Amino acid sequence: MTVDSVLWFACTAGEVAVVALLIYRRMWRSFPVFFSYSVWTLVSGAIGYVLFQKHFSGYAAAYFSELIIDSVLLFGVLVELAWSILRPVRASLSRRSLFIIVGLILAAGAAIWPFASVTGPHSAQILLIMHLQQTFYVLRVLVFLALAAGSQFLAIGWRSRELQIATGLGFTSLVSLIVAMLHAYPSMEMRYQLLNEFVIAGYLCSLLYWIVSFSQKEEARREFSPQMENLLLAVAGAARSTRIALAESRGSKDNGRE
């Protein structure tokens, strides 16, 4: 059995354990998108392995389709994490706050996109795949760093599910991003397979981290400090005031035209 096969079976076992823990701890209720992503990763990984072994010619097209779905779910996971962190003050926020979060994450991804461009002797489809991957690598690392750096202000700790999920995603992305940068060096061409095994090993480490973390009970969620709560409500209020002002301005222009 090859090293790739061993790593694949280990990751599959880890994914099964993570999904089982998400069900056992009833985390699928609080994080339905992350649960869907975990199930999708398990199923798509099995399908991808069969295609790679039996139908290698169609693997690239299937992988591209898989990546699109994977990216959509990952985007949903990032939105879900941000929305879950705001749980203590969600009752006081506008209904459109969720759309503001979506817009902010989209804006961050758009800002990263030009800097994550990839060049090399590959087809346009492969370059697009690599470009999309690296954009999400950077985005996930930034989300993890933001949550870790602001954990005290956001009233979360290392036993909070939000930070645990972000840590696993961030570590896998960081390893993948480093390997992607190494792939750009011609001297690393002979070690291409070895570097890919490091990516899989990094993902396996994240799975093991999730298994250990999700096996333990989540700590009770702390309330935001009064200063942080006032800041969040002020930001939400400012956003609402801006929308109202824009709506009134458009209404005035329409009336003037009439």
Protein backbone atom coordinates (compact mmCIF):
# COMPACT_ATOMS: atom_id res chain seq x y z
CA MET A 1 0.00 0.00 0.00
CA THR A 2 1.36 3.41 -0.98
CA VAL A 3 1.79 6.40 1.32
CA ASP A 4 -1.01 8.21 -0.54
CA SER A 5 -3.39 5.32 0.10
CA VAL A 6 -2.51 5.20 3.79
CA LEU A 7 -3.07 8.94 4.14
CA TRP A 8 -6.35 8.74 2.24
CA PHE A 9 -7.72 5.95 4.43
CA ALA A 10 -6.55 7.79 7.58
CA CYS A 11 -8.27 11.01 6.45
CA THR A 12 -11.46 9.11 5.56
CA ALA A 13 -11.52 7.52 9.01
CA GLY A 14 -10.95 10.98 10.53
CA GLU A 15 -13.78 12.50 8.48
CA VAL A 16 -16.15 9.74 9.58
CA ALA A 17 -15.19 10.38 13.22
CA VAL A 18 -15.73 14.15 12.83
CA VAL A 19 -19.18 13.67 11.25
CA ALA A 20 -20.11 11.19 14.00
CA LEU A 21 -19.05 13.68 16.69
CA LEU A 22 -20.99 16.50 15.03
CA ILE A 23 -24.08 14.31 15.26
CA TYR A 24 -23.34 13.02 18.78
CA ARG A 25 -22.67 16.51 20.16
CA ARG A 26 -25.64 17.86 18.18
CA MET A 27 -23.35 20.46 16.66
CA TRP A 28 -25.18 20.05 13.37
CA ARG A 29 -27.95 22.17 14.86
CA SER A 30 -25.66 25.11 15.65
CA PHE A 31 -23.39 24.67 12.61
CA PRO A 32 -25.51 23.12 9.83
CA VAL A 33 -23.30 24.49 7.04
CA PHE A 34 -20.11 23.12 8.62
CA PHE A 35 -21.89 19.79 9.10
CA SER A 36 -22.92 19.81 5.43
CA TYR A 37 -19.35 20.68 4.45
CA SER A 38 -17.98 17.79 6.54
CA VAL A 39 -20.41 15.30 4.98
CA TRP A 40 -19.69 16.66 1.50
CA THR A 41 -15.93 16.33 2.06
CA LEU A 42 -16.37 12.72 3.13
CA VAL A 43 -18.56 11.77 0.17
CA SER A 44 -16.66 13.74 -2.47
CA GLY A 45 -13.34 12.39 -1.21
CA ALA A 46 -14.53 8.82 -1.69
CA ILE A 47 -15.87 9.58 -5.17
CA GLY A 48 -12.70 11.44 -6.10
CA TYR A 49 -10.49 8.57 -4.98
CA VAL A 50 -12.42 6.09 -7.14
CA LEU A 51 -12.29 8.40 -10.16
CA PHE A 52 -8.56 8.97 -9.70
CA GLN A 53 -7.89 5.23 -9.54
CA LYS A 54 -10.29 4.05 -12.25
CA HIS A 55 -11.02 7.01 -14.55
CA PHE A 56 -8.02 9.30 -14.37
CA SER A 57 -8.89 11.06 -17.67
CA GLY A 58 -12.11 12.48 -16.21
CA TYR A 59 -10.65 13.34 -12.83
CA ALA A 60 -9.71 16.96 -13.66
CA ALA A 61 -13.23 17.89 -14.81
CA ALA A 62 -14.79 16.19 -11.78
CA TYR A 63 -12.32 17.90 -9.47
CA PHE A 64 -13.19 21.31 -10.90
CA SER A 65 -16.92 20.72 -10.28
CA GLU A 66 -16.13 19.47 -6.78
CA LEU A 67 -14.05 22.57 -6.06
CA ILE A 68 -16.94 24.88 -6.99
CA ILE A 69 -19.26 23.15 -4.53
CA ASP A 70 -16.49 23.00 -1.95
CA SER A 71 -15.84 26.75 -2.28
CA VAL A 72 -19.53 27.62 -1.91
CA LEU A 73 -19.81 25.50 1.24
CA LEU A 74 -16.59 26.94 2.67
CA PHE A 75 -17.88 30.45 2.09
CA GLY A 76 -21.04 29.44 3.92
CA VAL A 77 -18.95 28.08 6.80
CA LEU A 78 -17.11 31.40 7.18
CA VAL A 79 -20.42 33.29 7.20
CA GLU A 80 -21.82 30.81 9.71
CA LEU A 81 -18.83 31.27 12.04
CA ALA A 82 -19.13 35.06 11.96
CA TRP A 83 -22.89 34.88 12.58
CA SER A 84 -22.45 32.38 15.43
CA ILE A 85 -19.90 34.62 17.17
CA LEU A 86 -22.50 37.39 17.26
CA ARG A 87 -24.95 35.09 19.07
CA PRO A 88 -25.03 37.11 22.34
CA VAL A 89 -26.23 40.26 20.54
CA ARG A 90 -28.11 38.83 17.57
CA ALA A 91 -31.48 39.68 19.08
CA SER A 92 -30.50 43.36 19.04
CA LEU A 93 -29.15 43.35 15.49
CA SER A 94 -30.98 44.19 12.30
CA ARG A 95 -32.27 41.33 10.17
CA ARG A 96 -29.95 42.54 7.43
CA SER A 97 -26.86 42.08 9.59
CA LEU A 98 -26.35 38.63 8.09
CA PHE A 99 -26.22 40.17 4.60
CA ILE A 100 -23.67 42.69 5.85
CA ILE A 101 -21.46 39.80 7.01
CA VAL A 102 -21.84 38.14 3.62
CA GLY A 103 -20.85 41.39 1.92
CA LEU A 104 -17.80 41.86 4.13
CA ILE A 105 -16.50 38.35 3.48
CA LEU A 106 -17.14 38.75 -0.25
CA ALA A 107 -15.24 42.04 -0.17
CA ALA A 108 -12.33 40.37 1.64
CA GLY A 109 -12.25 37.58 -0.95
CA ALA A 110 -12.35 40.12 -3.80
CA ALA A 111 -9.45 42.01 -2.22
CA ILE A 112 -7.41 38.79 -1.93
CA TRP A 113 -8.19 37.53 -5.46
CA PRO A 114 -5.72 39.74 -7.42
CA PHE A 115 -2.85 38.81 -5.09
CA ALA A 116 -3.57 35.07 -5.24
CA SER A 117 -2.99 34.79 -8.98
CA VAL A 118 -1.07 31.75 -10.19
CA THR A 119 1.21 31.35 -13.18
CA GLY A 120 2.84 28.30 -14.65
CA PRO A 121 2.80 25.77 -17.49
CA HIS A 122 -0.77 24.66 -16.81
CA SER A 123 -4.06 24.80 -18.67
CA ALA A 124 -6.46 27.69 -18.05
CA GLN A 125 -8.76 25.40 -16.07
CA ILE A 126 -5.96 24.22 -13.76
CA LEU A 127 -4.77 27.80 -13.21
CA LEU A 128 -8.32 28.86 -12.32
CA ILE A 129 -8.58 25.99 -9.83
CA MET A 130 -5.27 26.94 -8.22
CA HIS A 131 -6.26 30.63 -8.14
CA LEU A 132 -9.57 29.85 -6.42
CA GLN A 133 -7.88 27.51 -3.96
CA GLN A 134 -5.25 30.01 -2.93
CA THR A 135 -7.85 32.75 -2.48
CA PHE A 136 -9.75 30.56 -0.03
CA TYR A 137 -6.51 29.48 1.67
CA VAL A 138 -5.67 33.10 2.45
CA LEU A 139 -9.25 33.95 3.42
CA ARG A 140 -9.48 31.06 5.89
CA VAL A 141 -6.11 31.92 7.44
CA LEU A 142 -7.20 35.55 7.85
CA VAL A 143 -10.48 34.51 9.49
CA PHE A 144 -8.60 32.28 11.93
CA LEU A 145 -6.10 35.03 12.77
CA ALA A 146 -8.92 37.53 13.26
CA LEU A 147 -10.79 35.22 15.63
CA ALA A 148 -7.66 34.22 17.54
CA ALA A 149 -6.44 37.81 17.88
CA GLY A 150 -9.86 39.13 18.90
CA SER A 151 -10.89 36.18 21.09
CA GLN A 152 -10.86 38.27 24.27
CA PHE A 153 -13.03 40.97 22.73
CA LEU A 154 -15.34 38.42 21.09
CA ALA A 155 -15.76 36.46 24.35
CA ILE A 156 -14.57 33.16 22.85
CA GLY A 157 -11.81 30.77 23.92
CA TRP A 158 -10.03 27.70 22.61
CA ARG A 159 -12.90 25.53 23.85
CA SER A 160 -15.42 27.54 21.85
CA ARG A 161 -16.67 25.69 18.80
CA GLU A 162 -16.26 28.72 16.55
CA LEU A 163 -12.55 29.04 17.27
CA GLN A 164 -12.04 25.26 17.09
CA ILE A 165 -13.59 25.08 13.63
CA ALA A 166 -11.64 28.14 12.46
CA THR A 167 -8.38 26.70 13.84
CA GLY A 168 -8.74 23.45 11.90
CA LEU A 169 -9.61 25.27 8.69
CA GLY A 170 -6.84 27.81 9.23
CA PHE A 171 -4.11 25.23 9.89
CA THR A 172 -5.01 23.18 6.80
CA SER A 173 -5.08 26.34 4.69
CA LEU A 174 -1.73 27.55 6.04
CA VAL A 175 -0.02 24.25 5.17
CA SER A 176 -1.65 24.24 1.73
CA LEU A 177 -0.61 27.85 1.11
CA ILE A 178 3.02 27.14 2.03
CA VAL A 179 3.08 24.11 -0.26
CA ALA A 180 1.51 26.13 -3.10
CA MET A 181 4.28 28.70 -2.73
CA LEU A 182 6.93 25.96 -2.80
CA HIS A 183 5.38 24.52 -5.96
CA ALA A 184 6.27 27.76 -7.73
CA TYR A 185 10.00 26.99 -7.42
CA PRO A 186 11.41 24.85 -10.29
CA SER A 187 13.79 23.17 -7.85
CA MET A 188 10.79 21.68 -6.05
CA GLU A 189 9.43 19.97 -9.16
CA MET A 190 11.00 16.64 -8.22
CA ARG A 191 9.37 16.83 -4.77
CA TYR A 192 5.88 17.62 -6.05
CA GLN A 193 4.39 14.37 -4.78
CA LEU A 194 6.06 14.71 -1.39
CA LEU A 195 4.72 18.24 -0.97
CA ASN A 196 1.20 17.07 -1.78
CA GLU A 197 1.55 14.43 0.93
CA PHE A 198 2.39 17.22 3.37
CA VAL A 199 -0.92 18.89 2.46
CA ILE A 200 -2.83 15.68 3.18
CA ALA A 201 -0.90 15.22 6.42
CA GLY A 202 -1.80 18.78 7.43
CA TYR A 203 -5.46 18.05 6.78
CA LEU A 204 -5.17 14.88 8.84
CA CYS A 205 -3.75 16.92 11.73
CA SER A 206 -6.77 19.24 11.54
CA LEU A 207 -9.11 16.25 11.61
CA LEU A 208 -7.34 14.86 14.69
CA TYR A 209 -7.57 18.28 16.33
CA TRP A 210 -11.31 18.41 15.63
CA ILE A 211 -11.79 14.89 16.98
CA VAL A 212 -10.05 15.78 20.25
CA SER A 213 -11.81 19.16 20.51
CA PHE A 214 -15.31 17.94 19.64
CA SER A 215 -14.95 15.03 22.06
CA GLN A 216 -14.96 17.55 24.88
CA LYS A 217 -17.89 19.61 26.02
CA GLU A 218 -18.03 23.17 24.80
CA GLU A 219 -17.46 25.83 27.41
CA ALA A 220 -20.44 28.03 28.25
CA ARG A 221 -20.57 31.03 25.95
CA ARG A 222 -19.59 34.23 27.71
CA GLU A 223 -21.40 37.49 27.17
CA PHE A 224 -19.71 40.35 25.36
CA SER A 225 -18.22 43.08 27.48
CA PRO A 226 -20.44 46.21 27.64
CA GLN A 227 -17.89 48.10 25.55
CA MET A 228 -17.83 45.41 22.82
CA GLU A 229 -21.61 45.09 22.81
CA ASN A 230 -22.04 48.85 22.46
CA LEU A 231 -19.49 48.89 19.64
CA LEU A 232 -21.26 46.13 17.69
CA LEU A 233 -24.65 47.75 18.16
CA ALA A 234 -23.21 51.12 17.12
CA VAL A 235 -21.76 49.59 13.94
CA ALA A 236 -25.09 47.91 13.18
CA GLY A 237 -26.91 51.17 13.85
CA ALA A 238 -24.57 53.11 11.59
CA ALA A 239 -25.07 50.58 8.82
CA ARG A 240 -28.85 50.84 9.20
CA SER A 241 -28.70 54.66 9.15
CA THR A 242 -26.60 54.56 5.99
CA ARG A 243 -29.13 52.32 4.26
CA ILE A 244 -32.02 54.58 5.29
CA ALA A 245 -30.16 57.67 4.06
CA LEU A 246 -29.43 56.00 0.72
CA ALA A 247 -33.06 54.95 0.37
CA GLU A 248 -34.29 58.46 1.14
CA SER A 249 -31.78 59.95 -1.29
CA ARG A 250 -32.99 57.66 -4.08
CA GLY A 251 -36.60 58.51 -3.23
CA SER A 252 -35.85 62.22 -3.44
CA LYS A 253 -34.18 61.82 -6.81
CA ASP A 254 -37.14 59.83 -8.15
CA ASN A 255 -39.59 62.48 -6.93
CA GLY A 256 -37.48 65.20 -8.50
CA ARG A 257 -37.56 63.46 -11.85
CA GLU A 258 -41.32 63.21 -11.70
